């Protein structure tokens, strides 16, 4: 909160690739899978925090109603456990198939 991030970063690029940032991001573009530095896959989910009338009109908020997006929630989930489970399932399927033949 209150921090600025690099607009060319993985989570920011989809909206900030052009001069004027997007106000809406299509659903498929809110999800991305990328490789972390340690080589594991990561699922990134982007959820914009949109301004609503109830929010901008409240006395406790400092932003105006003309601002469409107040911020972004960027969640990153490791897929390492899921990838391991898939590999184990594939190995079992190969063993069962070989035993069946």
PDB file of N, CA and C in Angstrom:
ATOM      1  N   UNK A   1       0.845  -1.170   0.000  1.00  0.00           N
ATOM      2  CA  UNK A   1       0.000   0.000   0.000  1.00  0.00           C
ATOM      3  C   UNK A   1       0.890   1.233   0.000  1.00  0.00           C
ATOM      4  N   UNK A   2       0.593   2.156  -0.870  1.00  0.00           N
ATOM      5  CA  UNK A   2       1.381   3.369  -0.931  1.00  0.00           C
ATOM      6  C   UNK A   2       2.711   3.205  -1.651  1.00  0.00           C
ATOM      7  N   UNK A   3       2.934   2.046  -2.283  1.00  0.00           N
ATOM      8  CA  UNK A   3       4.185   1.792  -2.996  1.00  0.00           C
ATOM      9  C   UNK A   3       3.927   1.791  -4.493  1.00  0.00           C
ATOM     10  N   UNK A   4       4.912   2.177  -5.246  1.00  0.00           N
ATOM     11  CA  UNK A   4       4.826   2.121  -6.693  1.00  0.00           C
ATOM     12  C   UNK A   4       5.726   1.009  -7.182  1.00  0.00           C
ATOM     13  N   UNK A   5       5.281   0.302  -8.210  1.00  0.00           N
ATOM     14  CA  UNK A   5       6.066  -0.797  -8.767  1.00  0.00           C
ATOM     15  C   UNK A   5       6.418  -0.475 -10.210  1.00  0.00           C
ATOM     16  N   UNK A   6       7.338  -1.234 -10.757  1.00  0.00           N
ATOM     17  CA  UNK A   6       7.768  -1.077 -12.137  1.00  0.00           C
ATOM     18  C   UNK A   6       6.613  -1.451 -13.064  1.00  0.00           C
ATOM     19  N   UNK A   7       6.192  -0.541 -13.929  1.00  0.00           N
ATOM     20  CA  UNK A   7       5.070  -0.810 -14.831  1.00  0.00           C
ATOM     21  C   UNK A   7       5.418  -1.822 -15.911  1.00  0.00           C
ATOM     22  N   UNK A   8       6.691  -2.168 -16.044  1.00  0.00           N
ATOM     23  CA  UNK A   8       7.101  -3.204 -16.992  1.00  0.00           C
ATOM     24  C   UNK A   8       7.195  -4.573 -16.327  1.00  0.00           C
ATOM     25  N   UNK A   9       6.857  -4.655 -15.045  1.00  0.00           N
ATOM     26  CA  UNK A   9       6.916  -5.916 -14.308  1.00  0.00           C
ATOM     27  C   UNK A   9       5.865  -6.888 -14.836  1.00  0.00           C
ATOM     28  N   UNK A  10       6.030  -8.160 -14.513  1.00  0.00           N
ATOM     29  CA  UNK A  10       5.153  -9.236 -14.986  1.00  0.00           C
ATOM     30  C   UNK A  10       3.671  -8.921 -14.764  1.00  0.00           C
ATOM     31  N   UNK A  11       3.328  -8.458 -13.576  1.00  0.00           N
ATOM     32  CA  UNK A  11       1.923  -8.222 -13.235  1.00  0.00           C
ATOM     33  C   UNK A  11       1.363  -6.948 -13.867  1.00  0.00           C
ATOM     34  N   UNK A  12       2.210  -5.999 -14.188  1.00  0.00           N
ATOM     35  CA  UNK A  12       1.755  -4.684 -14.654  1.00  0.00           C
ATOM     36  C   UNK A  12       1.688  -4.557 -16.168  1.00  0.00           C
ATOM     37  N   UNK A  13       2.467  -5.375 -16.856  1.00  0.00           N
ATOM     38  CA  UNK A  13       2.644  -5.189 -18.279  1.00  0.00           C
ATOM     39  C   UNK A  13       1.337  -5.248 -19.066  1.00  0.00           C
ATOM     40  N   UNK A  14       0.414  -6.126 -18.705  1.00  0.00           N
ATOM     41  CA  UNK A  14      -0.826  -6.291 -19.474  1.00  0.00           C
ATOM     42  C   UNK A  14      -1.613  -4.989 -19.588  1.00  0.00           C
ATOM     43  N   UNK A  15      -1.651  -4.208 -18.528  1.00  0.00           N
ATOM     44  CA  UNK A  15      -2.410  -2.948 -18.552  1.00  0.00           C
ATOM     45  C   UNK A  15      -1.575  -1.760 -19.018  1.00  0.00           C
ATOM     46  N   UNK A  16      -0.277  -1.825 -18.799  1.00  0.00           N
ATOM     47  CA  UNK A  16       0.570  -0.662 -19.058  1.00  0.00           C
ATOM     48  C   UNK A  16       1.451  -0.807 -20.295  1.00  0.00           C
ATOM     49  N   UNK A  17       1.091  -1.692 -21.220  1.00  0.00           N
ATOM     50  CA  UNK A  17       1.883  -1.882 -22.434  1.00  0.00           C
ATOM     51  C   UNK A  17       1.722  -0.704 -23.400  1.00  0.00           C
ATOM     52  N   UNK A  18       0.634   0.021 -23.293  1.00  0.00           N
ATOM     53  CA  UNK A  18       0.397   1.178 -24.151  1.00  0.00           C
ATOM     54  C   UNK A  18       0.491   2.462 -23.325  1.00  0.00           C
ATOM     55  N   UNK A  19       0.421   3.598 -23.994  1.00  0.00           N
ATOM     56  CA  UNK A  19       0.599   4.887 -23.306  1.00  0.00           C
ATOM     57  C   UNK A  19      -0.467   5.119 -22.239  1.00  0.00           C
ATOM     58  N   UNK A  20      -1.719   4.834 -22.558  1.00  0.00           N
ATOM     59  CA  UNK A  20      -2.816   5.016 -21.604  1.00  0.00           C
ATOM     60  C   UNK A  20      -3.147   3.661 -20.990  1.00  0.00           C
ATOM     61  N   UNK A  21      -3.041   3.496 -19.667  1.00  0.00           N
ATOM     62  CA  UNK A  21      -3.333   2.197 -19.048  1.00  0.00           C
ATOM     63  C   UNK A  21      -4.777   1.769 -19.283  1.00  0.00           C
ATOM     64  N   UNK A  22      -4.975   0.470 -19.379  1.00  0.00           N
ATOM     65  CA  UNK A  22      -6.325  -0.071 -19.547  1.00  0.00           C
ATOM     66  C   UNK A  22      -7.128   0.129 -18.270  1.00  0.00           C
ATOM     67  N   UNK A  23      -8.413   0.435 -18.429  1.00  0.00           N
ATOM     68  CA  UNK A  23      -9.298   0.534 -17.270  1.00  0.00           C
ATOM     69  C   UNK A  23      -9.910  -0.827 -16.960  1.00  0.00           C
ATOM     70  N   UNK A  24     -10.045  -1.678 -17.980  1.00  0.00           N
ATOM     71  CA  UNK A  24     -10.586  -3.024 -17.816  1.00  0.00           C
ATOM     72  C   UNK A  24      -9.617  -4.014 -18.450  1.00  0.00           C
ATOM     73  N   UNK A  25      -9.455  -5.159 -17.811  1.00  0.00           N
ATOM     74  CA  UNK A  25      -8.599  -6.217 -18.314  1.00  0.00           C
ATOM     75  C   UNK A  25      -9.466  -7.443 -18.533  1.00  0.00           C
ATOM     76  N   UNK A  26      -9.437  -8.005 -19.758  1.00  0.00           N
ATOM     77  CA  UNK A  26     -10.243  -9.190 -20.053  1.00  0.00           C
ATOM     78  C   UNK A  26      -9.889 -10.314 -19.090  1.00  0.00           C
ATOM     79  N   UNK A  27     -10.849 -11.155 -18.777  1.00  0.00           N
ATOM     80  CA  UNK A  27     -10.632 -12.246 -17.822  1.00  0.00           C
ATOM     81  C   UNK A  27      -9.438 -13.142 -18.153  1.00  0.00           C
ATOM     82  N   UNK A  28      -9.269 -13.601 -19.402  1.00  0.00           N
ATOM     83  CA  UNK A  28      -8.119 -14.479 -19.671  1.00  0.00           C
ATOM     84  C   UNK A  28      -6.783 -13.806 -19.385  1.00  0.00           C
ATOM     85  N   UNK A  29      -6.711 -12.492 -19.540  1.00  0.00           N
ATOM     86  CA  UNK A  29      -5.462 -11.765 -19.315  1.00  0.00           C
ATOM     87  C   UNK A  29      -5.169 -11.535 -17.830  1.00  0.00           C
ATOM     88  N   UNK A  30      -6.115 -11.834 -16.975  1.00  0.00           N
ATOM     89  CA  UNK A  30      -5.900 -11.659 -15.537  1.00  0.00           C
ATOM     90  C   UNK A  30      -5.114 -12.808 -14.932  1.00  0.00           C
ATOM     91  N   UNK A  31      -4.921 -13.866 -15.707  1.00  0.00           N
ATOM     92  CA  UNK A  31      -4.205 -15.032 -15.212  1.00  0.00           C
ATOM     93  C   UNK A  31      -2.980 -15.256 -16.081  1.00  0.00           C
ATOM     94  N   UNK A  32      -1.877 -15.617 -15.453  1.00  0.00           N
ATOM     95  CA  UNK A  32      -0.672 -15.924 -16.208  1.00  0.00           C
ATOM     96  C   UNK A  32       0.109 -17.001 -15.479  1.00  0.00           C
ATOM     97  N   UNK A  33       0.825 -17.812 -16.226  1.00  0.00           N
ATOM     98  CA  UNK A  33       1.712 -18.814 -15.649  1.00  0.00           C
ATOM     99  C   UNK A  33       3.106 -18.491 -16.152  1.00  0.00           C
ATOM    100  N   UNK A  34       4.038 -18.364 -15.236  1.00  0.00           N
ATOM    101  CA  UNK A  34       5.405 -18.029 -15.617  1.00  0.00           C
ATOM    102  C   UNK A  34       6.383 -18.809 -14.752  1.00  0.00           C
ATOM    103  N   UNK A  35       7.646 -18.786 -15.151  1.00  0.00           N
ATOM    104  CA  UNK A  35       8.698 -19.494 -14.429  1.00  0.00           C
ATOM    105  C   UNK A  35       9.353 -18.553 -13.417  1.00  0.00           C
ATOM    106  N   UNK A  36       9.467 -19.017 -12.177  1.00  0.00           N
ATOM    107  CA  UNK A  36      10.159 -18.262 -11.136  1.00  0.00           C
ATOM    108  C   UNK A  36      11.667 -18.421 -11.336  1.00  0.00           C
ATOM    109  N   UNK A  37      12.421 -17.626 -10.634  1.00  0.00           N
ATOM    110  CA  UNK A  37      13.886 -17.689 -10.754  1.00  0.00           C
ATOM    111  C   UNK A  37      14.439 -19.056 -10.381  1.00  0.00           C
ATOM    112  N   UNK A  38      13.764 -19.751  -9.463  1.00  0.00           N
ATOM    113  CA  UNK A  38      14.247 -21.075  -9.043  1.00  0.00           C
ATOM    114  C   UNK A  38      13.797 -22.199  -9.992  1.00  0.00           C
ATOM    115  N   UNK A  39      13.112 -21.851 -11.079  1.00  0.00           N
ATOM    116  CA  UNK A  39      12.707 -22.834 -12.074  1.00  0.00           C
ATOM    117  C   UNK A  39      11.335 -23.427 -11.863  1.00  0.00           C
ATOM    118  N   UNK A  40      10.638 -23.055 -10.798  1.00  0.00           N
ATOM    119  CA  UNK A  40       9.287 -23.574 -10.567  1.00  0.00           C
ATOM    120  C   UNK A  40       8.271 -22.698 -11.284  1.00  0.00           C
ATOM    121  N   UNK A  41       7.155 -23.316 -11.646  1.00  0.00           N
ATOM    122  CA  UNK A  41       6.082 -22.553 -12.288  1.00  0.00           C
ATOM    123  C   UNK A  41       5.260 -21.829 -11.225  1.00  0.00           C
ATOM    124  N   UNK A  42       4.769 -20.655 -11.593  1.00  0.00           N
ATOM    125  CA  UNK A  42       3.974 -19.830 -10.688  1.00  0.00           C
ATOM    126  C   UNK A  42       2.711 -19.391 -11.426  1.00  0.00           C
ATOM    127  N   UNK A  43       1.580 -19.481 -10.728  1.00  0.00           N
ATOM    128  CA  UNK A  43       0.315 -18.976 -11.254  1.00  0.00           C
ATOM    129  C   UNK A  43       0.109 -17.585 -10.676  1.00  0.00           C
ATOM    130  N   UNK A  44       0.019 -16.593 -11.531  1.00  0.00           N
ATOM    131  CA  UNK A  44      -0.222 -15.216 -11.102  1.00  0.00           C
ATOM    132  C   UNK A  44      -1.642 -14.813 -11.437  1.00  0.00           C
ATOM    133  N   UNK A  45      -2.341 -14.254 -10.471  1.00  0.00           N
ATOM    134  CA  UNK A  45      -3.716 -13.802 -10.660  1.00  0.00           C
ATOM    135  C   UNK A  45      -3.786 -12.311 -10.360  1.00  0.00           C
ATOM    136  N   UNK A  46      -4.389 -11.558 -11.255  1.00  0.00           N
ATOM    137  CA  UNK A  46      -4.518 -10.114 -11.089  1.00  0.00           C
ATOM    138  C   UNK A  46      -5.984  -9.774 -10.849  1.00  0.00           C
ATOM    139  N   UNK A  47      -6.241  -8.998  -9.823  1.00  0.00           N
ATOM    140  CA  UNK A  47      -7.600  -8.542  -9.523  1.00  0.00           C
ATOM    141  C   UNK A  47      -7.558  -7.039  -9.293  1.00  0.00           C
ATOM    142  N   UNK A  48      -8.109  -6.253 -10.220  1.00  0.00           N
ATOM    143  CA  UNK A  48      -8.119  -4.808 -10.014  1.00  0.00           C
ATOM    144  C   UNK A  48      -9.054  -4.419  -8.868  1.00  0.00           C
ATOM    145  N   UNK A  49      -8.661  -3.394  -8.138  1.00  0.00           N
ATOM    146  CA  UNK A  49      -9.511  -2.839  -7.083  1.00  0.00           C
ATOM    147  C   UNK A  49     -10.188  -1.624  -7.700  1.00  0.00           C
ATOM    148  N   UNK A  50     -11.432  -1.816  -8.094  1.00  0.00           N
ATOM    149  CA  UNK A  50     -12.150  -0.783  -8.827  1.00  0.00           C
ATOM    150  C   UNK A  50     -12.858   0.179  -7.880  1.00  0.00           C
ATOM    151  N   UNK A  51     -12.909   1.423  -8.300  1.00  0.00           N
ATOM    152  CA  UNK A  51     -13.599   2.453  -7.534  1.00  0.00           C
ATOM    153  C   UNK A  51     -15.103   2.290  -7.739  1.00  0.00           C
ATOM    154  N   UNK A  52     -15.844   2.361  -6.675  1.00  0.00           N
ATOM    155  CA  UNK A  52     -17.303   2.289  -6.733  1.00  0.00           C
ATOM    156  C   UNK A  52     -17.878   3.519  -6.040  1.00  0.00           C
ATOM    157  N   UNK A  53     -19.097   3.855  -6.372  1.00  0.00           N
ATOM    158  CA  UNK A  53     -19.723   5.047  -5.793  1.00  0.00           C
ATOM    159  C   UNK A  53     -19.772   4.980  -4.274  1.00  0.00           C
ATOM    160  N   UNK A  54     -20.093   3.810  -3.723  1.00  0.00           N
ATOM    161  CA  UNK A  54     -20.134   3.660  -2.266  1.00  0.00           C
ATOM    162  C   UNK A  54     -18.780   3.955  -1.636  1.00  0.00           C
ATOM    163  N   UNK A  55     -17.736   3.686  -2.376  1.00  0.00           N
ATOM    164  CA  UNK A  55     -16.380   3.882  -1.859  1.00  0.00           C
ATOM    165  C   UNK A  55     -15.941   5.339  -2.004  1.00  0.00           C
ATOM    166  N   UNK A  56     -16.096   5.893  -3.190  1.00  0.00           N
ATOM    167  CA  UNK A  56     -15.605   7.255  -3.418  1.00  0.00           C
ATOM    168  C   UNK A  56     -16.441   8.307  -2.693  1.00  0.00           C
ATOM    169  N   UNK A  57     -17.696   7.992  -2.397  1.00  0.00           N
ATOM    170  CA  UNK A  57     -18.555   8.944  -1.680  1.00  0.00           C
ATOM    171  C   UNK A  57     -18.418   8.850  -0.163  1.00  0.00           C
ATOM    172  N   UNK A  58     -17.746   7.827   0.318  1.00  0.00           N
ATOM    173  CA  UNK A  58     -17.597   7.652   1.762  1.00  0.00           C
ATOM    174  C   UNK A  58     -16.636   8.697   2.329  1.00  0.00           C
ATOM    175  N   UNK A  59     -16.905   9.147   3.536  1.00  0.00           N
ATOM    176  CA  UNK A  59     -16.087  10.179   4.170  1.00  0.00           C
ATOM    177  C   UNK A  59     -14.687   9.694   4.521  1.00  0.00           C
ATOM    178  N   UNK A  60     -14.512   8.391   4.613  1.00  0.00           N
ATOM    179  CA  UNK A  60     -13.218   7.847   5.033  1.00  0.00           C
ATOM    180  C   UNK A  60     -12.210   7.713   3.894  1.00  0.00           C
ATOM    181  N   UNK A  61     -12.600   7.988   2.652  1.00  0.00           N
ATOM    182  CA  UNK A  61     -11.698   7.786   1.515  1.00  0.00           C
ATOM    183  C   UNK A  61     -11.190   9.104   0.956  1.00  0.00           C
ATOM    184  N   UNK A  62      -9.958   9.064   0.462  1.00  0.00           N
ATOM    185  CA  UNK A  62      -9.313  10.270  -0.030  1.00  0.00           C
ATOM    186  C   UNK A  62      -9.316  10.380  -1.545  1.00  0.00           C
ATOM    187  N   UNK A  63      -9.870   9.403  -2.251  1.00  0.00           N
ATOM    188  CA  UNK A  63      -9.864   9.458  -3.712  1.00  0.00           C
ATOM    189  C   UNK A  63     -11.194   9.987  -4.233  1.00  0.00           C
ATOM    190  N   UNK A  64     -11.149  10.494  -5.449  1.00  0.00           N
ATOM    191  CA  UNK A  64     -12.345  11.073  -6.066  1.00  0.00           C
ATOM    192  C   UNK A  64     -13.057  10.027  -6.917  1.00  0.00           C
ATOM    193  N   UNK A  65     -14.259  10.337  -7.329  1.00  0.00           N
ATOM    194  CA  UNK A  65     -15.073   9.424  -8.114  1.00  0.00           C
ATOM    195  C   UNK A  65     -14.598   9.238  -9.536  1.00  0.00           C
ATOM    196  N   UNK A  66     -13.757  10.132 -10.048  1.00  0.00           N
ATOM    197  CA  UNK A  66     -13.312  10.014 -11.435  1.00  0.00           C
ATOM    198  C   UNK A  66     -12.189   8.991 -11.627  1.00  0.00           C
ATOM    199  N   UNK A  67     -11.618   8.501 -10.546  1.00  0.00           N
ATOM    200  CA  UNK A  67     -10.556   7.503 -10.634  1.00  0.00           C
ATOM    201  C   UNK A  67     -11.203   6.126 -10.757  1.00  0.00           C
ATOM    202  N   UNK A  68     -10.904   5.383 -11.855  1.00  0.00           N
ATOM    203  CA  UNK A  68     -11.564   4.100 -12.107  1.00  0.00           C
ATOM    204  C   UNK A  68     -10.945   2.943 -11.335  1.00  0.00           C
ATOM    205  N   UNK A  69      -9.629   2.873 -11.310  1.00  0.00           N
ATOM    206  CA  UNK A  69      -8.936   1.771 -10.650  1.00  0.00           C
ATOM    207  C   UNK A  69      -8.090   2.337  -9.513  1.00  0.00           C
ATOM    208  N   UNK A  70      -8.333   1.833  -8.315  1.00  0.00           N
ATOM    209  CA  UNK A  70      -7.616   2.335  -7.136  1.00  0.00           C
ATOM    210  C   UNK A  70      -6.302   1.596  -6.910  1.00  0.00           C
ATOM    211  N   UNK A  71      -6.239   0.378  -7.373  1.00  0.00           N
ATOM    212  CA  UNK A  71      -5.042  -0.425  -7.189  1.00  0.00           C
ATOM    213  C   UNK A  71      -5.257  -1.800  -7.784  1.00  0.00           C
ATOM    214  N   UNK A  72      -4.293  -2.686  -7.522  1.00  0.00           N
ATOM    215  CA  UNK A  72      -4.353  -4.031  -8.067  1.00  0.00           C
ATOM    216  C   UNK A  72      -3.897  -5.011  -7.003  1.00  0.00           C
ATOM    217  N   UNK A  73      -4.625  -6.106  -6.882  1.00  0.00           N
ATOM    218  CA  UNK A  73      -4.212  -7.195  -6.013  1.00  0.00           C
ATOM    219  C   UNK A  73      -3.566  -8.244  -6.912  1.00  0.00           C
ATOM    220  N   UNK A  74      -2.291  -8.488  -6.721  1.00  0.00           N
ATOM    221  CA  UNK A  74      -1.548  -9.452  -7.534  1.00  0.00           C
ATOM    222  C   UNK A  74      -1.157 -10.609  -6.631  1.00  0.00           C
ATOM    223  N   UNK A  75      -1.734 -11.780  -6.886  1.00  0.00           N
ATOM    224  CA  UNK A  75      -1.495 -12.967  -6.073  1.00  0.00           C
ATOM    225  C   UNK A  75      -0.678 -13.967  -6.880  1.00  0.00           C
ATOM    226  N   UNK A  76       0.369 -14.499  -6.259  1.00  0.00           N
ATOM    227  CA  UNK A  76       1.219 -15.486  -6.906  1.00  0.00           C
ATOM    228  C   UNK A  76       1.178 -16.787  -6.114  1.00  0.00           C
ATOM    229  N   UNK A  77       0.849 -17.878  -6.806  1.00  0.00           N
ATOM    230  CA  UNK A  77       0.744 -19.186  -6.170  1.00  0.00           C
ATOM    231  C   UNK A  77       1.720 -20.147  -6.839  1.00  0.00           C
ATOM    232  N   UNK A  78       2.541 -20.807  -6.047  1.00  0.00           N
ATOM    233  CA  UNK A  78       3.486 -21.784  -6.584  1.00  0.00           C
ATOM    234  C   UNK A  78       2.735 -23.002  -7.101  1.00  0.00           C
ATOM    235  N   UNK A  79       3.140 -23.477  -8.264  1.00  0.00           N
ATOM    236  CA  UNK A  79       2.550 -24.676  -8.846  1.00  0.00           C
ATOM    237  C   UNK A  79       3.440 -25.895  -8.634  1.00  0.00           C
ATOM    238  N   UNK A  80       4.458 -25.780  -7.786  1.00  0.00           N
ATOM    239  CA  UNK A  80       5.413 -26.870  -7.563  1.00  0.00           C
ATOM    240  C   UNK A  80       4.715 -28.139  -7.068  1.00  0.00           C
ATOM    241  N   UNK A  81       3.832 -28.029  -6.096  1.00  0.00           N
ATOM    242  CA  UNK A  81       3.140 -29.204  -5.561  1.00  0.00           C
ATOM    243  C   UNK A  81       2.241 -29.822  -6.629  1.00  0.00           C
ATOM    244  N   UNK A  82       1.569 -28.998  -7.409  1.00  0.00           N
ATOM    245  CA  UNK A  82       0.697 -29.499  -8.470  1.00  0.00           C
ATOM    246  C   UNK A  82       1.518 -30.182  -9.556  1.00  0.00           C
ATOM    247  N   UNK A  83       2.648 -29.593  -9.932  1.00  0.00           N
ATOM    248  CA  UNK A  83       3.507 -30.203 -10.949  1.00  0.00           C
ATOM    249  C   UNK A  83       4.044 -31.548 -10.474  1.00  0.00           C
ATOM    250  N   UNK A  84       4.392 -31.651  -9.204  1.00  0.00           N
ATOM    251  CA  UNK A  84       4.868 -32.913  -8.641  1.00  0.00           C
ATOM    252  C   UNK A  84       3.762 -33.970  -8.678  1.00  0.00           C
ATOM    253  N   UNK A  85       2.555 -33.585  -8.317  1.00  0.00           N
ATOM    254  CA  UNK A  85       1.423 -34.512  -8.331  1.00  0.00           C
ATOM    255  C   UNK A  85       1.133 -35.003  -9.755  1.00  0.00           C
ATOM    256  N   UNK A  86       1.236 -34.122 -10.739  1.00  0.00           N
ATOM    257  CA  UNK A  86       1.002 -34.509 -12.135  1.00  0.00           C
ATOM    258  C   UNK A  86       2.074 -35.496 -12.585  1.00  0.00           C
ATOM    259  N   UNK A  87       3.333 -35.232 -12.244  1.00  0.00           N
ATOM    260  CA  UNK A  87       4.424 -36.151 -12.614  1.00  0.00           C
ATOM    261  C   UNK A  87       4.216 -37.523 -11.981  1.00  0.00           C
ATOM    262  N   UNK A  88       3.813 -37.555 -10.710  1.00  0.00           N
ATOM    263  CA  UNK A  88       3.562 -38.824 -10.039  1.00  0.00           C
ATOM    264  C   UNK A  88       2.416 -39.575 -10.707  1.00  0.00           C
ATOM    265  N   UNK A  89       1.365 -38.862 -11.075  1.00  0.00           N
ATOM    266  CA  UNK A  89       0.222 -39.476 -11.758  1.00  0.00           C
ATOM    267  C   UNK A  89       0.652 -40.041 -13.116  1.00  0.00           C
ATOM    268  N   UNK A  90       1.472 -39.281 -13.853  1.00  0.00           N
ATOM    269  CA  UNK A  90       1.952 -39.757 -15.145  1.00  0.00           C
ATOM    270  C   UNK A  90       2.785 -41.031 -14.987  1.00  0.00           C
ATOM    271  N   UNK A  91       3.648 -41.069 -13.968  1.00  0.00           N
ATOM    272  CA  UNK A  91       4.474 -42.262 -13.720  1.00  0.00           C
ATOM    273  C   UNK A  91       3.597 -43.473 -13.400  1.00  0.00           C
ATOM    274  N   UNK A  92       2.592 -43.271 -12.538  1.00  0.00           N
ATOM    275  CA  UNK A  92       1.691 -44.368 -12.193  1.00  0.00           C
ATOM    276  C   UNK A  92       0.938 -44.864 -13.420  1.00  0.00           C
ATOM    277  N   UNK A  93       0.493 -43.935 -14.245  1.00  0.00           N
ATOM    278  CA  UNK A  93      -0.242 -44.325 -15.461  1.00  0.00           C
ATOM    279  C   UNK A  93       0.654 -45.144 -16.383  1.00  0.00           C
ATOM    280  N   UNK A  94       1.926 -44.760 -16.509  1.00  0.00           N
ATOM    281  CA  UNK A  94       2.850 -45.524 -17.353  1.00  0.00           C
ATOM    282  C   UNK A  94       3.103 -46.929 -16.774  1.00  0.00           C
ATOM    283  N   UNK A  95       3.250 -47.021 -15.455  1.00  0.00           N
ATOM    284  CA  UNK A  95       3.476 -48.312 -14.808  1.00  0.00           C
ATOM    285  C   UNK A  95       2.249 -49.210 -14.997  1.00  0.00           C
ATOM    286  N   UNK A  96       1.067 -48.667 -14.773  1.00  0.00           N
ATOM    287  CA  UNK A  96      -0.162 -49.456 -14.948  1.00  0.00           C
ATOM    288  C   UNK A  96      -0.342 -49.891 -16.400  1.00  0.00           C
ATOM    289  N   UNK A  97      -0.029 -49.000 -17.333  1.00  0.00           N
ATOM    290  CA  UNK A  97      -0.150 -49.331 -18.769  1.00  0.00           C
ATOM    291  C   UNK A  97       0.835 -50.432 -19.125  1.00  0.00           C
ATOM    292  N   UNK A  98       2.082 -50.329 -18.656  1.00  0.00           N
ATOM    293  CA  UNK A  98       3.101 -51.343 -18.938  1.00  0.00           C
ATOM    294  C   UNK A  98       2.688 -52.673 -18.308  1.00  0.00           C
ATOM    295  N   UNK A  99       2.157 -52.653 -17.092  1.00  0.00           N
ATOM    296  CA  UNK A  99       1.731 -53.883 -16.428  1.00  0.00           C
ATOM    297  C   UNK A  99       0.536 -54.510 -17.154  1.00  0.00           C
ATOM    298  N   UNK A 100      -0.322 -53.687 -17.708  1.00  0.00           N
ATOM    299  CA  UNK A 100      -1.484 -54.173 -18.433  1.00  0.00           C
ATOM    300  C   UNK A 100      -1.073 -54.903 -19.702  1.00  0.00           C
ATOM    301  N   UNK A 101      -0.045 -54.392 -20.368  1.00  0.00           N
ATOM    302  CA  UNK A 101       0.433 -55.061 -21.588  1.00  0.00           C
ATOM    303  C   UNK A 101       1.172 -56.317 -21.233  1.00  0.00           C
TER     304      UNK A 101
END
